[in-house]
Amino acid sequence: MLQRMKQQAHFLTLSTPDLDAARAFYCDGLGWTALLDVPGEIIFFQVAPALVLGLFQADKFVADMEGTPADGRLGGLTLSHNVDSPTAVDAAVRRAVEAGGTLVKPPQTAAFGGYHGHFADPNGVVWEVCHNPGWRVDDAGKVHLGLVD
């Protein structure tokens, strides 16, 4: 019998065409602290308990996968950052744009009943900043999505 793989991820690694621009945006612009920074290759940020976001220089990313340049493209992905209020959504999106991000969708009421806005980092990684009144994390770290559970 096959053993089941645990339902978890520890790293989200994204191909990044311009690592220096990503570093400037996240560290200088947003004030994030790198967990590990290897210039010209990759920068890691701890973004949650046991979860690391890696921004990997695109050519190194492709070489690591033994792939083609097409394998280094990023598409169809949104990272989401949940905050406590619509005002916090406005502030986070504004800060990201001031730091060099591109406004994708201005903050507004969302179809799911919350409030959200989207921005892209200098390499096109799209972030949603969201206030979702039904979203919470319990003391054990389990995510609850309002009426869904």
Protein backbone atom coordinates (compact mmCIF):
# COMPACT_ATOMS: atom_id res chain seq x y z
CA MET A 1 0.00 0.00 0.00
CA LEU A 2 1.30 3.46 -0.89
CA GLN A 3 1.93 5.79 2.00
CA ARG A 4 -0.01 9.04 1.79
CA MET A 5 1.97 12.27 1.31
CA LYS A 6 1.21 14.83 4.04
CA GLN A 7 -1.10 17.62 2.91
CA GLN A 8 1.29 20.51 3.42
CA ALA A 9 3.84 22.70 1.70
CA HIS A 10 6.95 24.22 3.25
CA PHE A 11 8.30 26.29 0.34
CA LEU A 12 6.62 28.30 -2.40
CA THR A 13 9.36 28.99 -4.95
CA LEU A 14 8.69 31.42 -7.79
CA SER A 15 10.78 32.05 -10.89
CA THR A 16 11.90 35.69 -10.79
CA PRO A 17 13.29 37.45 -13.90
CA ASP A 18 14.93 40.24 -11.86
CA LEU A 19 16.07 39.15 -8.40
CA ASP A 20 17.55 42.57 -7.60
CA ALA A 21 14.21 44.26 -8.30
CA ALA A 22 12.46 41.68 -6.12
CA ARG A 23 14.95 42.28 -3.29
CA ALA A 24 14.51 46.04 -3.51
CA PHE A 25 10.71 45.70 -3.52
CA TYR A 26 10.31 43.23 -0.66
CA CYS A 27 13.22 44.28 1.59
CA ASP A 28 13.53 48.00 0.96
CA GLY A 29 9.98 48.78 -0.13
CA LEU A 30 7.87 46.52 2.07
CA GLY A 31 10.37 46.19 4.92
CA TRP A 32 10.56 42.39 4.85
CA THR A 33 13.56 40.57 6.34
CA ALA A 34 15.20 37.83 4.29
CA LEU A 35 15.67 34.44 5.90
CA LEU A 36 18.50 33.72 3.44
CA ASP A 37 19.73 35.84 0.53
CA VAL A 38 22.07 34.39 -2.09
CA PRO A 39 22.76 37.29 -4.52
CA GLY A 40 22.28 36.33 -8.15
CA GLU A 41 20.44 33.15 -7.22
CA ILE A 42 17.62 33.15 -4.63
CA ILE A 43 16.15 35.01 -1.69
CA PHE A 44 13.97 33.35 0.95
CA PHE A 45 11.39 34.96 3.24
CA GLN A 46 9.61 33.16 6.04
CA VAL A 47 5.97 34.07 5.42
CA ALA A 48 4.19 31.84 7.96
CA PRO A 49 5.01 29.15 10.50
CA ALA A 50 6.94 26.47 8.58
CA LEU A 51 6.33 28.24 5.24
CA VAL A 52 9.00 29.98 3.16
CA LEU A 53 8.57 32.04 0.00
CA GLY A 54 11.55 31.68 -2.34
CA LEU A 55 12.21 34.08 -5.21
CA PHE A 56 14.60 32.23 -7.54
CA GLN A 57 16.47 34.03 -10.36
CA ALA A 58 14.76 32.76 -13.53
CA ASP A 59 17.82 31.35 -15.31
CA LYS A 60 18.89 29.51 -12.15
CA PHE A 61 15.31 28.27 -11.64
CA VAL A 62 15.25 26.80 -15.16
CA ALA A 63 18.70 25.22 -14.72
CA ASP A 64 17.64 23.69 -11.40
CA MET A 65 14.65 22.07 -13.10
CA GLU A 66 16.76 21.07 -16.13
CA GLY A 67 14.10 22.80 -18.20
CA THR A 68 13.71 25.25 -21.03
CA PRO A 69 13.30 29.05 -20.75
CA ALA A 70 9.53 28.55 -21.10
CA ASP A 71 9.62 26.60 -17.82
CA GLY A 72 10.72 29.77 -16.03
CA ARG A 73 7.56 31.76 -16.78
CA LEU A 74 5.12 32.44 -13.99
CA GLY A 75 1.42 32.58 -14.70
CA GLY A 76 -1.97 31.84 -13.24
CA LEU A 77 -0.87 32.42 -9.65
CA THR A 78 -1.96 34.83 -6.95
CA LEU A 79 -0.51 34.99 -3.45
CA SER A 80 -2.94 36.26 -0.84
CA HIS A 81 -2.27 38.25 2.33
CA ASN A 82 -5.18 38.50 4.77
CA VAL A 83 -5.54 41.53 7.04
CA ASP A 84 -7.91 42.62 9.82
CA SER A 85 -9.95 45.34 8.09
CA PRO A 86 -10.77 47.08 4.82
CA THR A 87 -8.65 50.02 6.03
CA ALA A 88 -5.68 47.66 6.38
CA VAL A 89 -6.29 46.45 2.80
CA ASP A 90 -6.17 50.03 1.54
CA ALA A 91 -2.96 50.74 3.50
CA ALA A 92 -1.17 47.55 2.37
CA VAL A 93 -2.02 48.04 -1.31
CA ARG A 94 -0.99 51.71 -1.13
CA ARG A 95 2.36 50.80 0.48
CA ALA A 96 3.05 48.14 -2.16
CA VAL A 97 2.37 50.61 -4.98
CA GLU A 98 4.52 53.27 -3.29
CA ALA A 99 7.30 50.64 -3.00
CA GLY A 100 7.28 50.07 -6.77
CA GLY A 101 4.47 47.58 -7.23
CA THR A 102 1.83 47.95 -9.94
CA LEU A 103 -1.82 48.34 -9.04
CA VAL A 104 -3.74 45.48 -10.68
CA LYS A 105 -7.15 45.94 -9.04
CA PRO A 106 -8.00 48.81 -6.71
CA PRO A 107 -9.33 47.82 -3.27
CA GLN A 108 -13.06 47.11 -3.43
CA THR A 109 -15.85 44.93 -2.09
CA ALA A 110 -15.28 41.34 -3.19
CA ALA A 111 -17.83 38.89 -4.60
CA PHE A 112 -17.27 36.64 -1.56
CA GLY A 113 -18.41 39.40 0.81
CA GLY A 114 -15.04 40.65 1.94
CA TYR A 115 -12.85 43.47 0.68
CA HIS A 116 -9.72 43.11 -1.44
CA GLY A 117 -7.28 44.66 -3.88
CA HIS A 118 -4.43 43.34 -6.04
CA PHE A 119 -0.94 44.53 -6.88
CA ALA A 120 1.96 43.01 -8.82
CA ASP A 121 5.57 43.06 -7.66
CA PRO A 122 8.23 44.30 -10.13
CA ASN A 123 8.46 40.79 -11.64
CA GLY A 124 4.71 40.37 -12.15
CA VAL A 125 3.91 38.24 -9.08
CA VAL A 126 0.33 39.17 -8.22
CA TRP A 127 -0.65 39.62 -4.58
CA GLU A 128 -4.19 39.90 -3.28
CA VAL A 129 -4.57 41.84 -0.04
CA CYS A 130 -7.83 40.75 1.50
CA HIS A 131 -10.11 41.29 4.47
CA ASN A 132 -12.30 38.20 4.69
CA PRO A 133 -14.54 38.29 7.77
CA GLY A 134 -15.03 34.50 7.63
CA TRP A 135 -11.31 33.67 7.55
CA ARG A 136 -9.55 32.75 10.77
CA VAL A 137 -6.77 30.52 12.07
CA ASP A 138 -7.37 28.62 15.29
CA ASP A 139 -4.81 27.94 18.04
CA ALA A 140 -3.80 24.67 16.35
CA GLY A 141 -3.04 26.53 13.11
CA LYS A 142 -6.07 25.21 11.19
CA VAL A 143 -7.60 27.65 8.72
CA HIS A 144 -11.36 28.17 8.86
CA LEU A 145 -13.19 29.76 5.93
CA GLY A 146 -16.41 30.95 7.56
CA LEU A 147 -19.52 29.08 6.44
CA VAL A 148 -17.47 26.47 4.58
CA ASP A 149 -16.45 24.73 7.80
